[in-house]
Amino acid sequence: MLKRIFIVIFVLFILTSISGFMYIQPQFGKLPTGERLERIKKSPHFKNGEFHNFSDTPTITDGHSFWGEIYEALFNKNPNAVPHHLIPTVKTDLKNLPNDQDYIVWFGHSSTLLHLNGKNILTDPIFSDNASPIPSSVPAFKGTTLYSVNDLPEIDYIIISHDHYDHLDYKTIKALQPKVKKVICGLGVGEDFEYWGYPKDKIIELDWFEKYQDPNGELIFNAEPSRHQSGRGLTQNQTLWASYVIQSKDKNYFVSGDGGFDKHFEQIGNKYKKIDLAIMEDGQYDKAWHFVHNLPNEIIQASKDLHAKRILPYHNSKFNLAKHDWNTPLNELTTLAKKEGIPVLTPKIGEVVYPNDTLQHFTEWWKK
């Protein structure tokens, strides 16, 4: 009982400190205002002052509690949630890769560089040493920070799935600004980019089921639902979270962002008929919050619902945000996928994936 009282006092102290800290720190972002807010209010997914999922989505599942999860995080830490060795990586010269080939490079967690139809697309970039507004908290695993913004080529599009700190990183976004032509994000997220100095005409905000077509190419960016939440401060769900289907001249790529299992995967699969590659969240999950993060068996079912030919798992192997062993997500997903006959692409951080090469082989590097 005393420990739980301590937890309540500790959390209240942290929340009070953060609420004051937020007013003077730009990394906390800014809530939507003006015309942006008026557009949000017209969205069918925005009701009673916040965005909603299609299905009821509590953060904590039945049988678990918020305070219980805080207690577990503080006093029952898993010693294997963080690797005890350097993560194996590959240092690639990203500025000299072939422009006439499609390729994907994963940087750990949910950051990927997709080169499709000659365009460079960067998803949820985070090249900082930690995934939190509080310095030194949620540090990156050793060996996973060998890439920086300076290593990147010019970026045609940044795609943001939602505004949580491990997906929308202030330091990275600021450093990227001179390299970026356009930003694609959910409704309201553009307020952060504009607050951080991005011109309004560079920002494209989409509601679910809206799309943007590259004017000089054959790429189409489709914003689709995900089952998640948003927020960078104490006020939650004022901005929209999303998944994306990127249509190139001959392929459909699904980028999941974060989110739990629901009927939207089947709806997306029925809409596009085929997904050539599903880049799927796999990691930082728990039964206590599985409504907002897929468990490995749910990833398999989601890939079936999407009619996905192959899976590239991300949202793992860089930050400790859950209780499982750091390599459990890749172990479980690859084991389940093998039984189902679903190919899984498992590159090392920095290793180039050529999606048109169906024979490309990847090692089980996380087992080393």
Protein backbone atom coordinates (compact mmCIF):
# COMPACT_ATOMS: atom_id res chain seq x y z
CA MET A 1 0.00 0.00 0.00
CA LEU A 2 2.80 2.43 0.88
CA LYS A 3 4.42 1.77 -2.48
CA ARG A 4 1.20 2.56 -4.31
CA ILE A 5 0.75 5.78 -2.32
CA PHE A 6 4.32 6.69 -3.26
CA ILE A 7 3.50 6.03 -6.92
CA VAL A 8 0.45 8.35 -6.79
CA ILE A 9 2.51 11.13 -5.20
CA PHE A 10 5.37 10.58 -7.64
CA VAL A 11 3.14 10.65 -10.72
CA LEU A 12 1.27 13.74 -9.53
CA PHE A 13 4.61 15.47 -8.96
CA ILE A 14 5.77 14.55 -12.45
CA LEU A 15 2.53 15.71 -14.05
CA THR A 16 2.66 19.01 -12.19
CA SER A 17 6.28 19.54 -13.19
CA ILE A 18 5.59 18.69 -16.81
CA SER A 19 2.57 21.00 -17.01
CA GLY A 20 4.77 23.93 -16.00
CA PHE A 21 7.71 22.80 -18.13
CA MET A 22 5.50 22.55 -21.22
CA TYR A 23 4.87 26.27 -21.41
CA ILE A 24 8.53 27.06 -22.09
CA GLN A 25 9.68 24.03 -24.11
CA PRO A 26 8.90 23.88 -27.86
CA GLN A 27 9.25 20.07 -28.06
CA PHE A 28 5.83 19.73 -26.44
CA GLY A 29 4.30 21.21 -29.55
CA LYS A 30 1.12 23.21 -29.82
CA LEU A 31 -2.55 22.29 -29.92
CA PRO A 32 -4.46 23.07 -33.15
CA THR A 33 -5.97 26.55 -33.44
CA GLY A 34 -7.74 28.79 -35.93
CA GLU A 35 -8.58 27.42 -39.38
CA ARG A 36 -6.86 24.14 -38.55
CA LEU A 37 -9.12 23.62 -35.52
CA GLU A 38 -12.22 24.55 -37.51
CA ARG A 39 -11.35 21.90 -40.11
CA ILE A 40 -10.86 19.34 -37.33
CA LYS A 41 -14.31 20.10 -35.93
CA LYS A 42 -15.83 19.18 -39.31
CA SER A 43 -14.24 15.72 -39.31
CA PRO A 44 -16.73 12.86 -38.73
CA HIS A 45 -14.09 11.26 -36.48
CA PHE A 46 -13.96 14.27 -34.10
CA LYS A 47 -16.76 14.22 -31.53
CA ASN A 48 -17.23 15.80 -28.11
CA GLY A 49 -13.94 17.62 -28.33
CA GLU A 50 -11.62 14.80 -29.39
CA PHE A 51 -10.87 12.24 -32.09
CA HIS A 52 -12.29 8.73 -31.71
CA ASN A 53 -11.53 5.27 -33.04
CA PHE A 54 -14.27 3.26 -34.73
CA SER A 55 -14.36 0.87 -31.76
CA ASP A 56 -14.19 1.71 -28.08
CA THR A 57 -10.48 1.83 -27.27
CA PRO A 58 -9.52 2.04 -23.60
CA THR A 59 -5.82 2.52 -22.98
CA ILE A 60 -5.75 -0.25 -20.34
CA THR A 61 -7.55 -3.57 -20.88
CA ASP A 62 -9.82 -5.28 -18.35
CA GLY A 63 -7.93 -6.98 -15.55
CA HIS A 64 -5.19 -4.36 -15.53
CA SER A 65 -4.95 -0.86 -14.09
CA PHE A 66 -3.07 2.33 -14.81
CA TRP A 67 -1.46 2.38 -11.37
CA GLY A 68 -0.57 -1.29 -11.65
CA GLU A 69 1.26 -0.62 -14.89
CA ILE A 70 3.12 2.32 -13.34
CA TYR A 71 4.12 0.07 -10.43
CA GLU A 72 5.38 -2.61 -12.82
CA ALA A 73 7.38 -0.06 -14.78
CA LEU A 74 9.04 1.33 -11.67
CA PHE A 75 9.63 -1.77 -9.54
CA ASN A 76 9.47 -4.88 -11.76
CA LYS A 77 11.69 -3.97 -14.68
CA ASN A 78 12.63 -6.73 -17.09
CA PRO A 79 16.45 -6.93 -17.25
CA ASN A 80 16.22 -8.26 -20.83
CA ALA A 81 14.02 -5.44 -22.11
CA VAL A 82 17.27 -3.76 -23.18
CA PRO A 83 19.97 -5.71 -25.08
CA HIS A 84 23.26 -6.33 -23.28
CA HIS A 85 25.28 -5.95 -26.46
CA LEU A 86 25.53 -3.64 -29.45
CA ILE A 87 22.70 -4.04 -31.96
CA PRO A 88 24.22 -5.22 -35.28
CA THR A 89 23.88 -2.54 -37.94
CA VAL A 90 24.98 -1.69 -41.47
CA LYS A 91 26.34 1.72 -42.44
CA THR A 92 25.02 2.53 -45.92
CA ASP A 93 25.89 5.55 -48.05
CA LEU A 94 22.30 6.74 -48.38
CA LYS A 95 23.18 9.58 -50.75
CA ASN A 96 24.59 7.29 -53.41
CA LEU A 97 21.98 4.54 -53.71
CA PRO A 98 20.57 3.93 -57.22
CA ASN A 99 17.83 6.40 -58.07
CA ASP A 100 16.20 4.09 -60.62
CA GLN A 101 15.49 1.30 -58.11
CA ASP A 102 12.94 1.10 -55.31
CA TYR A 103 14.44 0.42 -51.90
CA ILE A 104 13.72 0.68 -48.18
CA VAL A 105 16.13 1.37 -45.32
CA TRP A 106 15.04 0.87 -41.71
CA PHE A 107 16.70 2.94 -38.95
CA GLY A 108 15.18 1.20 -35.93
CA HIS A 109 11.79 1.77 -34.28
CA SER A 110 9.38 3.23 -36.88
CA SER A 111 11.83 5.31 -38.91
CA THR A 112 12.25 4.16 -42.51
CA LEU A 113 13.45 5.65 -45.77
CA LEU A 114 11.31 4.51 -48.70
CA HIS A 115 12.65 5.29 -52.16
CA LEU A 116 9.70 4.72 -54.50
CA ASN A 117 9.37 5.90 -58.10
CA GLY A 118 12.44 8.08 -57.59
CA LYS A 119 11.00 9.85 -54.53
CA ASN A 120 12.44 9.76 -51.00
CA ILE A 121 9.84 9.21 -48.29
CA LEU A 122 10.76 9.26 -44.60
CA THR A 123 8.38 7.74 -42.05
CA ASP A 124 8.20 8.84 -38.38
CA PRO A 125 11.85 9.93 -38.25
CA ILE A 126 13.65 9.90 -34.91
CA PHE A 127 17.43 10.25 -34.96
CA SER A 128 17.77 11.51 -31.39
CA ASP A 129 19.46 9.61 -28.59
CA ASN A 130 16.20 9.25 -26.67
CA ALA A 131 12.46 9.07 -27.33
CA SER A 132 11.13 11.44 -24.69
CA PRO A 133 10.91 15.18 -24.01
CA ILE A 134 12.72 14.53 -20.72
CA PRO A 135 16.50 14.41 -21.30
CA SER A 136 18.19 11.01 -20.82
CA SER A 137 14.88 9.16 -20.45
CA VAL A 138 13.93 6.35 -22.88
CA PRO A 139 17.46 6.13 -24.30
CA ALA A 140 18.19 4.40 -27.60
CA PHE A 141 19.81 0.97 -27.48
CA LYS A 142 23.58 0.90 -27.90
CA GLY A 143 24.58 0.81 -31.55
CA THR A 144 21.27 2.11 -32.93
CA THR A 145 22.23 5.76 -33.35
CA LEU A 146 24.84 5.47 -36.10
CA TYR A 147 22.62 7.44 -38.53
CA SER A 148 21.91 11.14 -38.30
CA VAL A 149 19.98 13.65 -40.38
CA ASN A 150 23.26 14.56 -42.12
CA ASP A 151 23.41 11.04 -43.59
CA LEU A 152 20.09 11.43 -45.38
CA PRO A 153 19.53 12.52 -48.98
CA GLU A 154 17.01 15.23 -49.86
CA ILE A 155 13.56 14.17 -48.63
CA ASP A 156 10.51 14.60 -50.86
CA TYR A 157 8.00 13.59 -48.18
CA ILE A 158 7.96 13.08 -44.42
CA ILE A 159 5.03 10.94 -43.33
CA ILE A 160 3.91 11.15 -39.69
CA SER A 161 1.56 8.51 -38.28
CA HIS A 162 0.80 10.40 -35.04
CA ASP A 163 2.32 12.89 -32.64
CA HIS A 164 3.66 10.70 -29.81
CA TYR A 165 7.27 11.50 -28.96
CA ASP A 166 8.71 8.27 -30.37
CA HIS A 167 7.15 9.11 -33.77
CA LEU A 168 7.33 12.91 -33.95
CA ASP A 169 10.71 13.97 -32.61
CA TYR A 170 11.29 17.70 -32.24
CA LYS A 171 15.08 17.69 -32.65
CA THR A 172 14.93 15.48 -35.73
CA ILE A 173 12.14 17.47 -37.36
CA LYS A 174 13.99 20.75 -36.81
CA ALA A 175 17.23 19.34 -38.25
CA LEU A 176 15.39 17.94 -41.26
CA GLN A 177 13.69 21.18 -42.29
CA PRO A 178 16.24 22.29 -44.96
CA LYS A 179 16.06 18.85 -46.62
CA VAL A 180 12.26 18.42 -46.73
CA LYS A 181 9.90 19.38 -49.53
CA LYS A 182 6.55 18.23 -48.08
CA VAL A 183 5.09 16.83 -44.86
CA ILE A 184 2.08 14.50 -44.83
CA CYS A 185 0.33 13.99 -41.50
CA GLY A 186 -3.03 13.56 -39.81
CA LEU A 187 -5.36 16.44 -39.03
CA GLY A 188 -3.95 18.80 -36.42
CA VAL A 189 -0.38 17.48 -36.46
CA GLY A 190 0.56 20.26 -38.87
CA GLU A 191 0.24 22.72 -35.99
CA ASP A 192 3.45 21.31 -34.50
CA PHE A 193 5.32 21.61 -37.80
CA GLU A 194 4.17 25.20 -38.31
CA TYR A 195 5.04 26.06 -34.69
CA TRP A 196 8.50 24.60 -35.28
CA GLY A 197 9.11 26.76 -38.35
CA TYR A 198 7.83 24.77 -41.34
CA PRO A 199 6.01 26.90 -43.94
CA LYS A 200 2.29 26.21 -44.11
CA ASP A 201 2.47 25.41 -47.82
CA LYS A 202 4.80 22.48 -47.09
CA ILE A 203 2.26 20.79 -44.79
CA ILE A 204 -0.44 18.42 -46.07
CA GLU A 205 -2.93 17.31 -43.41
CA LEU A 206 -5.26 14.43 -44.18
CA ASP A 207 -8.34 12.97 -42.54
CA TRP A 208 -8.96 9.24 -42.78
CA PHE A 209 -9.92 8.24 -46.33
CA GLU A 210 -8.39 11.37 -47.87
CA LYS A 211 -5.48 11.17 -50.28
CA TYR A 212 -2.72 13.26 -51.80
CA GLN A 213 -1.18 12.62 -55.21
CA ASP A 214 2.37 13.65 -55.99
CA PRO A 215 1.96 16.22 -58.80
CA ASN A 216 5.15 15.19 -60.61
CA GLY A 217 4.94 11.43 -60.28
CA GLU A 218 2.79 8.37 -59.85
CA LEU A 219 2.73 8.19 -56.06
CA ILE A 220 -0.56 8.45 -54.18
CA PHE A 221 -0.61 8.79 -50.38
CA ASN A 222 -3.82 7.47 -48.82
CA ALA A 223 -4.55 8.18 -45.16
CA GLU A 224 -6.35 5.22 -43.60
CA PRO A 225 -7.55 4.50 -40.05
CA SER A 226 -5.55 3.00 -37.23
CA ARG A 227 -6.69 2.16 -33.71
CA HIS A 228 -4.61 4.32 -31.44
CA GLN A 229 -4.43 7.64 -29.59
CA SER A 230 -2.49 10.91 -29.74
CA GLY A 231 -1.15 13.71 -27.58
CA ARG A 232 2.09 15.37 -26.52
CA GLY A 233 0.85 16.85 -23.25
CA LEU A 234 -1.90 16.40 -20.72
CA THR A 235 -4.63 17.01 -23.33
CA GLN A 236 -5.14 13.92 -25.46
CA ASN A 237 -6.61 13.03 -28.86
CA GLN A 238 -6.69 16.55 -30.29
CA THR A 239 -4.78 15.39 -33.37
CA LEU A 240 -5.45 12.45 -35.67
CA TRP A 241 -3.47 9.20 -35.85
CA ALA A 242 -3.38 7.28 -39.11
CA SER A 243 -1.98 4.46 -41.18
CA TYR A 244 -1.10 4.97 -44.84
CA VAL A 245 -1.30 3.12 -48.12
CA ILE A 246 1.29 4.42 -50.57
CA GLN A 247 0.47 3.51 -54.15
CA SER A 248 3.40 3.53 -56.56
CA LYS A 249 3.19 2.80 -60.28
CA ASP A 250 2.92 -0.95 -59.73
CA LYS A 251 2.73 -1.65 -55.97
CA ASN A 252 0.78 -0.89 -52.81
CA TYR A 253 2.73 -0.32 -49.59
CA PHE A 254 0.97 -0.29 -46.22
CA VAL A 255 2.55 1.70 -43.38
CA SER A 256 0.78 0.85 -40.15
CA GLY A 257 1.97 3.49 -37.70
CA ASP A 258 0.88 2.45 -34.20
CA GLY A 259 -2.41 0.79 -33.37
CA GLY A 260 -4.31 -2.19 -32.10
CA PHE A 261 -6.23 -4.80 -34.03
CA ASP A 262 -9.67 -3.94 -35.42
CA LYS A 263 -11.90 -4.24 -38.47
CA HIS A 264 -10.05 -1.48 -40.35
CA PHE A 265 -7.40 -3.94 -41.57
CA GLU A 266 -10.03 -5.98 -43.39
CA GLN A 267 -11.62 -2.81 -44.78
CA ILE A 268 -8.27 -1.60 -46.11
CA GLY A 269 -7.58 -5.02 -47.62
CA ASN A 270 -10.94 -5.04 -49.37
CA LYS A 271 -10.41 -1.50 -50.64
CA TYR A 272 -6.97 -2.04 -52.22
CA LYS A 273 -7.33 -5.78 -53.01
CA LYS A 274 -3.61 -6.40 -52.47
CA ILE A 275 -0.79 -5.04 -50.36
CA ASP A 276 2.60 -5.92 -51.80
CA LEU A 277 4.43 -5.06 -48.59
CA ALA A 278 2.96 -4.30 -45.15
CA ILE A 279 5.31 -2.33 -42.91
CA MET A 280 3.80 -3.38 -39.60
CA GLU A 281 4.19 -2.30 -36.00
CA ASP A 282 5.79 -5.19 -34.09
CA GLY A 283 7.04 -4.28 -30.66
CA GLN A 284 6.35 -2.30 -27.51
CA TYR A 285 3.14 -4.25 -26.97
CA ASP A 286 1.56 -5.80 -23.89
CA LYS A 287 -1.68 -7.58 -23.05
CA ALA A 288 -2.40 -4.68 -20.71
CA TRP A 289 -2.71 -2.27 -23.65
CA HIS A 290 -3.36 -4.50 -26.63
CA PHE A 291 -6.25 -2.31 -27.81
CA VAL A 292 -3.68 0.27 -28.94
CA HIS A 293 -0.78 -2.02 -29.98
CA ASN A 294 -0.98 -5.27 -31.95
CA LEU A 295 0.21 -8.49 -30.36
CA PRO A 296 2.22 -10.78 -32.71
CA ASN A 297 -0.72 -13.09 -33.45
CA GLU A 298 -2.81 -10.03 -34.30
CA ILE A 299 -0.15 -8.85 -36.73
CA ILE A 300 -0.50 -12.17 -38.56
CA GLN A 301 -4.27 -11.81 -38.72
CA ALA A 302 -3.98 -8.18 -39.79
CA SER A 303 -1.63 -9.14 -42.63
CA LYS A 304 -4.17 -11.72 -43.80
CA ASP A 305 -6.96 -9.16 -43.65
CA LEU A 306 -4.80 -6.75 -45.66
CA HIS A 307 -4.04 -9.44 -48.28
CA ALA A 308 -0.39 -8.61 -47.65
CA LYS A 309 2.17 -10.60 -49.62
CA ARG A 310 5.04 -9.80 -47.24
CA ILE A 311 5.65 -8.11 -43.89
CA LEU A 312 8.44 -5.78 -42.84
CA PRO A 313 8.21 -5.39 -39.03
CA TYR A 314 9.18 -2.14 -37.32
CA HIS A 315 8.58 -0.34 -33.97
CA ASN A 316 11.20 -2.53 -32.33
CA SER A 317 14.92 -2.85 -31.50
CA LYS A 318 15.70 0.77 -30.58
CA PHE A 319 13.74 1.94 -27.52
CA ASN A 320 12.41 0.16 -24.43
CA LEU A 321 8.75 1.12 -24.10
CA ALA A 322 7.28 -2.20 -22.94
CA LYS A 323 7.93 -5.15 -20.61
CA HIS A 324 8.84 -7.86 -23.11
CA ASP A 325 12.43 -8.90 -23.94
CA TRP A 326 13.87 -6.58 -26.56
CA ASN A 327 14.02 -9.34 -29.21
CA THR A 328 10.71 -11.08 -28.39
CA PRO A 329 8.74 -9.18 -31.10
CA LEU A 330 10.95 -10.47 -33.92
CA ASN A 331 11.19 -13.96 -32.40
CA GLU A 332 7.43 -14.36 -32.05
CA LEU A 333 6.42 -12.76 -35.34
CA THR A 334 8.88 -14.74 -37.46
CA THR A 335 7.89 -18.00 -35.74
CA LEU A 336 4.18 -17.39 -36.31
CA ALA A 337 4.70 -16.17 -39.88
CA LYS A 338 6.74 -19.24 -40.76
CA LYS A 339 3.85 -21.47 -39.69
CA GLU A 340 1.47 -19.42 -41.86
CA GLY A 341 3.83 -19.25 -44.84
CA ILE A 342 4.00 -15.44 -44.75
CA PRO A 343 7.40 -14.01 -45.77
CA VAL A 344 8.88 -11.58 -43.25
CA LEU A 345 11.69 -9.16 -44.19
CA THR A 346 14.04 -8.60 -41.25
CA PRO A 347 16.85 -6.23 -42.26
CA LYS A 348 19.42 -4.93 -39.84
CA ILE A 349 19.34 -1.23 -39.12
CA GLY A 350 20.77 0.44 -42.23
CA GLU A 351 20.56 -2.64 -44.46
CA VAL A 352 19.00 -1.90 -47.85
CA VAL A 353 15.82 -3.79 -48.75
CA TYR A 354 14.94 -4.07 -52.43
CA PRO A 355 11.19 -4.82 -52.47
CA ASN A 356 11.29 -5.99 -56.11
CA ASP A 357 13.83 -8.67 -55.18
CA THR A 358 11.71 -11.50 -53.78
CA LEU A 359 14.79 -13.68 -53.21
CA GLN A 360 16.69 -11.24 -50.99
CA HIS A 361 17.80 -13.02 -47.81
CA PHE A 362 18.03 -11.62 -44.29
CA THR A 363 19.72 -13.13 -41.26
CA GLU A 364 18.18 -13.66 -37.83
CA TRP A 365 20.49 -10.99 -36.47
CA TRP A 366 18.47 -10.47 -33.27
CA LYS A 367 19.38 -14.00 -32.14
CA LYS A 368 23.13 -13.39 -32.24
